[in-house]
Amino acid sequence: DRAGSLALIIVGLPIFLVTAAAIKLTSRGPVFFRQERVGRDGETFGMIKFRSMVVGAELMLENLKADSGNEVMFKMRDDPRVTRVGKLIRRTSIDELPQLFNVLKGDMSLVGPRPPLLAEVSGYGHAARRRLLVRPGITGLWQVSGRSNLDWEETVRLDLYYVENWSLVGDLLILWRTL
């Protein structure tokens, strides 16, 4: 994980620089967004992403949740908080690239269940809590199997399948499908 993340950071440096410049030139606020997430065994860490939303987007979340009727994991197709550059970097998953630094640090893995928010974990049932038995990843089985088009039960099923059937070959296949 660490060697792979370091190599990807070095190779991806031009993408990092162009993305940072695009964010800075088109919207006010920081280039990076840091958010507390839950990792392996329920330990929290600060996950880093390129900022794809307007500053203060988290304060707008409750109003959007009330309108969406969503369950545990909030997703919205045309989220009004997303910036123009944010739409592009989200569609291409470039917003996730700074998480390579989380992998380098040891908080995350290249492959694994996505790290949930603290609020999401409080809504987990017993089965969903088993997602926390492994280090969370930048990509995972549910991301390459339907991404945001999956419902909560399908997401949990795929993550639990990953946790219970982990293999190096499986991780390499998920990385290949992610590319």
C-alpha atoms as a PDB file:
ATOM      1  CA  ASP A   1       0.000   0.000   0.000  1.00  0.00           C
ATOM      2  CA  ARG A   2       2.636   2.530   1.027  1.00  0.00           C
ATOM      3  CA  ALA A   3       4.944   1.839  -1.917  1.00  0.00           C
ATOM      4  CA  GLY A   4       2.012   1.930  -4.323  1.00  0.00           C
ATOM      5  CA  SER A   5       0.666   5.183  -2.898  1.00  0.00           C
ATOM      6  CA  LEU A   6       4.090   6.839  -3.050  1.00  0.00           C
ATOM      7  CA  ALA A   7       4.515   5.779  -6.684  1.00  0.00           C
ATOM      8  CA  LEU A   8       1.035   7.055  -7.553  1.00  0.00           C
ATOM      9  CA  ILE A   9       1.707  10.391  -5.814  1.00  0.00           C
ATOM     10  CA  ILE A  10       4.904  10.872  -7.814  1.00  0.00           C
ATOM     11  CA  VAL A  11       3.293   9.874 -11.128  1.00  0.00           C
ATOM     12  CA  GLY A  12       0.161  11.894 -10.377  1.00  0.00           C
ATOM     13  CA  LEU A  13       1.960  15.078  -9.311  1.00  0.00           C
ATOM     14  CA  PRO A  14       1.011  16.974 -12.507  1.00  0.00           C
ATOM     15  CA  ILE A  15      -2.661  16.077 -11.934  1.00  0.00           C
ATOM     16  CA  PHE A  16      -2.370  17.254  -8.310  1.00  0.00           C
ATOM     17  CA  LEU A  17      -0.933  20.611  -9.415  1.00  0.00           C
ATOM     18  CA  VAL A  18      -3.469  21.249 -12.207  1.00  0.00           C
ATOM     19  CA  THR A  19      -6.365  20.277  -9.942  1.00  0.00           C
ATOM     20  CA  ALA A  20      -5.145  22.494  -7.093  1.00  0.00           C
ATOM     21  CA  ALA A  21      -4.781  25.443  -9.480  1.00  0.00           C
ATOM     22  CA  ALA A  22      -8.253  24.880 -10.965  1.00  0.00           C
ATOM     23  CA  ILE A  23      -9.866  24.778  -7.513  1.00  0.00           C
ATOM     24  CA  LYS A  24      -8.025  27.881  -6.330  1.00  0.00           C
ATOM     25  CA  LEU A  25      -8.768  29.885  -9.501  1.00  0.00           C
ATOM     26  CA  THR A  26     -12.493  29.082  -9.665  1.00  0.00           C
ATOM     27  CA  SER A  27     -13.714  29.216  -6.066  1.00  0.00           C
ATOM     28  CA  ARG A  28     -12.880  30.769  -2.730  1.00  0.00           C
ATOM     29  CA  GLY A  29     -11.506  28.618   0.035  1.00  0.00           C
ATOM     30  CA  PRO A  30      -8.883  25.949   0.583  1.00  0.00           C
ATOM     31  CA  VAL A  31      -7.755  23.451  -2.043  1.00  0.00           C
ATOM     32  CA  PHE A  32      -8.107  20.479   0.292  1.00  0.00           C
ATOM     33  CA  PHE A  33     -11.020  19.291   2.377  1.00  0.00           C
ATOM     34  CA  ARG A  34     -10.311  17.317   5.539  1.00  0.00           C
ATOM     35  CA  GLN A  35     -13.024  15.309   7.228  1.00  0.00           C
ATOM     36  CA  GLU A  36     -13.061  12.983  10.222  1.00  0.00           C
ATOM     37  CA  ARG A  37     -13.759   9.428   9.097  1.00  0.00           C
ATOM     38  CA  VAL A  38     -13.915   6.087  10.852  1.00  0.00           C
ATOM     39  CA  GLY A  39     -11.208   3.562  10.060  1.00  0.00           C
ATOM     40  CA  ARG A  40     -10.263   0.063  11.121  1.00  0.00           C
ATOM     41  CA  ASP A  41     -11.546  -0.966  14.551  1.00  0.00           C
ATOM     42  CA  GLY A  42     -13.554   2.270  14.810  1.00  0.00           C
ATOM     43  CA  GLU A  43     -10.541   4.583  15.089  1.00  0.00           C
ATOM     44  CA  THR A  44     -11.015   8.026  13.562  1.00  0.00           C
ATOM     45  CA  PHE A  45      -8.635   9.836  11.235  1.00  0.00           C
ATOM     46  CA  GLY A  46      -8.647  12.933   9.050  1.00  0.00           C
ATOM     47  CA  MET A  47      -9.353  11.921   5.448  1.00  0.00           C
ATOM     48  CA  ILE A  48      -8.050  14.342   2.793  1.00  0.00           C
ATOM     49  CA  LYS A  49      -9.785  15.130  -0.505  1.00  0.00           C
ATOM     50  CA  PHE A  50      -9.617  17.894  -3.060  1.00  0.00           C
ATOM     51  CA  ARG A  51     -12.397  20.339  -2.191  1.00  0.00           C
ATOM     52  CA  SER A  52     -15.236  19.820  -4.658  1.00  0.00           C
ATOM     53  CA  MET A  53     -17.944  21.783  -2.832  1.00  0.00           C
ATOM     54  CA  VAL A  54     -18.506  25.326  -1.745  1.00  0.00           C
ATOM     55  CA  VAL A  55     -17.062  26.366   1.606  1.00  0.00           C
ATOM     56  CA  GLY A  56     -19.587  25.602   4.349  1.00  0.00           C
ATOM     57  CA  ALA A  57     -21.208  22.726   2.445  1.00  0.00           C
ATOM     58  CA  GLU A  58     -21.476  20.579   5.582  1.00  0.00           C
ATOM     59  CA  LEU A  59     -23.702  23.229   7.193  1.00  0.00           C
ATOM     60  CA  MET A  60     -26.169  22.845   4.295  1.00  0.00           C
ATOM     61  CA  LEU A  61     -26.369  19.062   4.619  1.00  0.00           C
ATOM     62  CA  GLU A  62     -29.289  18.767   7.054  1.00  0.00           C
ATOM     63  CA  ASN A  63     -31.627  20.702   4.743  1.00  0.00           C
ATOM     64  CA  LEU A  64     -30.648  18.501   1.801  1.00  0.00           C
ATOM     65  CA  LYS A  65     -31.081  15.291   3.807  1.00  0.00           C
ATOM     66  CA  ALA A  66     -34.597  16.335   4.769  1.00  0.00           C
ATOM     67  CA  ASP A  67     -35.464  16.716   1.087  1.00  0.00           C
ATOM     68  CA  SER A  68     -33.819  13.476  -0.092  1.00  0.00           C
ATOM     69  CA  GLY A  69     -35.366  10.876   2.217  1.00  0.00           C
ATOM     70  CA  ASN A  70     -32.001   9.092   2.154  1.00  0.00           C
ATOM     71  CA  GLU A  71     -31.049   6.402   4.644  1.00  0.00           C
ATOM     72  CA  VAL A  72     -27.631   5.802   6.231  1.00  0.00           C
ATOM     73  CA  MET A  73     -25.235   7.035   3.534  1.00  0.00           C
ATOM     74  CA  PHE A  74     -26.203  10.381   1.972  1.00  0.00           C
ATOM     75  CA  LYS A  75     -25.768  10.682  -1.807  1.00  0.00           C
ATOM     76  CA  MET A  76     -27.417  13.213  -4.110  1.00  0.00           C
ATOM     77  CA  ARG A  77     -27.118  13.223  -7.909  1.00  0.00           C
ATOM     78  CA  ASP A  78     -27.213  16.986  -8.577  1.00  0.00           C
ATOM     79  CA  ASP A  79     -25.948  18.285  -5.250  1.00  0.00           C
ATOM     80  CA  PRO A  80     -26.183  22.104  -5.393  1.00  0.00           C
ATOM     81  CA  ARG A  81     -23.146  22.430  -3.125  1.00  0.00           C
ATOM     82  CA  VAL A  82     -20.757  21.020  -5.768  1.00  0.00           C
ATOM     83  CA  THR A  83     -18.662  23.584  -7.670  1.00  0.00           C
ATOM     84  CA  ARG A  84     -18.087  23.542 -11.458  1.00  0.00           C
ATOM     85  CA  VAL A  85     -14.581  22.134 -11.036  1.00  0.00           C
ATOM     86  CA  GLY A  86     -15.983  19.857  -8.348  1.00  0.00           C
ATOM     87  CA  LYS A  87     -18.329  18.205 -10.838  1.00  0.00           C
ATOM     88  CA  LEU A  88     -15.415  17.326 -13.107  1.00  0.00           C
ATOM     89  CA  ILE A  89     -13.073  16.076 -10.396  1.00  0.00           C
ATOM     90  CA  ARG A  90     -15.861  14.011  -8.823  1.00  0.00           C
ATOM     91  CA  ARG A  91     -16.906  12.457 -12.144  1.00  0.00           C
ATOM     92  CA  THR A  92     -13.283  11.418 -12.762  1.00  0.00           C
ATOM     93  CA  SER A  93     -12.611  10.633  -9.049  1.00  0.00           C
ATOM     94  CA  ILE A  94      -9.673  13.041  -9.059  1.00  0.00           C
ATOM     95  CA  ASP A  95     -11.079  14.486  -5.824  1.00  0.00           C
ATOM     96  CA  GLU A  96     -10.052  11.221  -4.141  1.00  0.00           C
ATOM     97  CA  LEU A  97      -6.351  11.397  -5.110  1.00  0.00           C
ATOM     98  CA  PRO A  98      -5.155  13.185  -1.921  1.00  0.00           C
ATOM     99  CA  GLN A  99      -6.244  10.074  -0.016  1.00  0.00           C
ATOM    100  CA  LEU A 100      -3.008   8.570  -1.312  1.00  0.00           C
ATOM    101  CA  PHE A 101      -1.410  10.570   1.519  1.00  0.00           C
ATOM    102  CA  ASN A 102      -3.765   8.806   3.964  1.00  0.00           C
ATOM    103  CA  VAL A 103      -2.535   5.484   2.541  1.00  0.00           C
ATOM    104  CA  LEU A 104       1.078   6.600   2.843  1.00  0.00           C
ATOM    105  CA  LYS A 105       0.426   7.519   6.476  1.00  0.00           C
ATOM    106  CA  GLY A 106      -1.231   4.142   7.175  1.00  0.00           C
ATOM    107  CA  ASP A 107      -4.777   5.349   7.878  1.00  0.00           C
ATOM    108  CA  MET A 108      -6.146   3.804   4.694  1.00  0.00           C
ATOM    109  CA  SER A 109      -5.403   1.122   2.148  1.00  0.00           C
ATOM    110  CA  LEU A 110      -5.571   1.373  -1.635  1.00  0.00           C
ATOM    111  CA  VAL A 111      -8.470  -1.143  -1.584  1.00  0.00           C
ATOM    112  CA  GLY A 112     -11.109  -1.660   1.094  1.00  0.00           C
ATOM    113  CA  PRO A 113     -14.522  -0.465   2.220  1.00  0.00           C
ATOM    114  CA  ARG A 114     -14.941   3.313   1.995  1.00  0.00           C
ATOM    115  CA  PRO A 115     -14.273   5.072   5.325  1.00  0.00           C
ATOM    116  CA  PRO A 116     -17.625   6.155   6.756  1.00  0.00           C
ATOM    117  CA  LEU A 117     -18.529   9.336   8.579  1.00  0.00           C
ATOM    118  CA  LEU A 118     -19.032   9.163  12.356  1.00  0.00           C
ATOM    119  CA  ALA A 119     -22.749   9.874  11.873  1.00  0.00           C
ATOM    120  CA  GLU A 120     -23.048   6.966   9.441  1.00  0.00           C
ATOM    121  CA  VAL A 121     -21.426   4.505  11.867  1.00  0.00           C
ATOM    122  CA  SER A 122     -23.930   5.445  14.572  1.00  0.00           C
ATOM    123  CA  GLY A 123     -26.652   4.167  12.204  1.00  0.00           C
ATOM    124  CA  TYR A 124     -24.893   0.855  11.474  1.00  0.00           C
ATOM    125  CA  GLY A 125     -26.440  -2.462  12.392  1.00  0.00           C
ATOM    126  CA  HIS A 126     -24.346  -5.411  13.582  1.00  0.00           C
ATOM    127  CA  ALA A 127     -23.550  -6.643  10.063  1.00  0.00           C
ATOM    128  CA  ALA A 128     -22.464  -3.221   8.770  1.00  0.00           C
ATOM    129  CA  ARG A 129     -20.070  -2.796  11.719  1.00  0.00           C
ATOM    130  CA  ARG A 130     -18.024  -5.706  10.324  1.00  0.00           C
ATOM    131  CA  ARG A 131     -16.908  -3.290   7.567  1.00  0.00           C
ATOM    132  CA  LEU A 132     -14.647  -1.768  10.242  1.00  0.00           C
ATOM    133  CA  LEU A 133     -12.610  -4.972  10.655  1.00  0.00           C
ATOM    134  CA  VAL A 134     -10.256  -3.942   7.837  1.00  0.00           C
ATOM    135  CA  ARG A 135      -8.458  -0.743   6.893  1.00  0.00           C
ATOM    136  CA  PRO A 136     -10.720   1.429   4.693  1.00  0.00           C
ATOM    137  CA  GLY A 137      -9.728   1.972   1.079  1.00  0.00           C
ATOM    138  CA  ILE A 138      -9.681   4.583  -1.654  1.00  0.00           C
ATOM    139  CA  THR A 139     -11.466   2.119  -3.918  1.00  0.00           C
ATOM    140  CA  GLY A 140     -13.338  -1.063  -3.227  1.00  0.00           C
ATOM    141  CA  LEU A 141     -15.664  -3.708  -4.493  1.00  0.00           C
ATOM    142  CA  TRP A 142     -18.808  -1.583  -4.360  1.00  0.00           C
ATOM    143  CA  GLN A 143     -17.132   1.315  -6.177  1.00  0.00           C
ATOM    144  CA  VAL A 144     -16.345  -0.904  -9.158  1.00  0.00           C
ATOM    145  CA  SER A 145     -19.724  -2.668  -8.967  1.00  0.00           C
ATOM    146  CA  GLY A 146     -22.108   0.241  -9.347  1.00  0.00           C
ATOM    147  CA  ARG A 147     -20.844   3.080  -7.179  1.00  0.00           C
ATOM    148  CA  SER A 148     -23.637   5.500  -6.193  1.00  0.00           C
ATOM    149  CA  ASN A 149     -26.263   3.493  -8.081  1.00  0.00           C
ATOM    150  CA  LEU A 150     -26.305   0.826  -5.354  1.00  0.00           C
ATOM    151  CA  ASP A 151     -28.631   0.926  -2.379  1.00  0.00           C
ATOM    152  CA  TRP A 152     -27.358   0.681   1.195  1.00  0.00           C
ATOM    153  CA  GLU A 153     -27.995  -3.076   1.563  1.00  0.00           C
ATOM    154  CA  GLU A 154     -26.098  -3.886  -1.649  1.00  0.00           C
ATOM    155  CA  THR A 155     -23.200  -1.647  -0.582  1.00  0.00           C
ATOM    156  CA  VAL A 156     -22.927  -3.417   2.770  1.00  0.00           C
ATOM    157  CA  ARG A 157     -23.225  -6.855   1.116  1.00  0.00           C
ATOM    158  CA  LEU A 158     -20.327  -6.089  -1.251  1.00  0.00           C
ATOM    159  CA  ASP A 159     -18.163  -4.628   1.535  1.00  0.00           C
ATOM    160  CA  LEU A 160     -18.780  -7.661   3.758  1.00  0.00           C
ATOM    161  CA  TYR A 161     -17.961  -9.994   0.875  1.00  0.00           C
ATOM    162  CA  TYR A 162     -14.671  -8.108   0.499  1.00  0.00           C
ATOM    163  CA  VAL A 163     -13.895  -8.281   4.249  1.00  0.00           C
ATOM    164  CA  GLU A 164     -14.633 -12.013   4.431  1.00  0.00           C
ATOM    165  CA  ASN A 165     -12.903 -12.972   1.162  1.00  0.00           C
ATOM    166  CA  TRP A 166      -9.868 -10.672   1.015  1.00  0.00           C
ATOM    167  CA  SER A 167      -6.999 -11.708  -1.246  1.00  0.00           C
ATOM    168  CA  LEU A 168      -4.090  -9.926  -2.894  1.00  0.00           C
ATOM    169  CA  VAL A 169      -5.336 -11.058  -6.315  1.00  0.00           C
ATOM    170  CA  GLY A 170      -8.782  -9.656  -5.466  1.00  0.00           C
ATOM    171  CA  ASP A 171      -7.221  -6.306  -4.537  1.00  0.00           C
ATOM    172  CA  LEU A 172      -5.252  -6.228  -7.794  1.00  0.00           C
ATOM    173  CA  LEU A 173      -8.417  -6.960  -9.791  1.00  0.00           C
ATOM    174  CA  ILE A 174     -10.293  -4.159  -8.005  1.00  0.00           C
ATOM    175  CA  LEU A 175      -7.416  -1.748  -8.687  1.00  0.00           C
ATOM    176  CA  TRP A 176      -7.440  -2.754 -12.368  1.00  0.00           C
ATOM    177  CA  ARG A 177     -11.235  -2.264 -12.590  1.00  0.00           C
ATOM    178  CA  THR A 178     -10.871   1.115 -10.855  1.00  0.00           C
ATOM    179  CA  LEU A 179      -8.466   2.308 -13.549  1.00  0.00           C
END
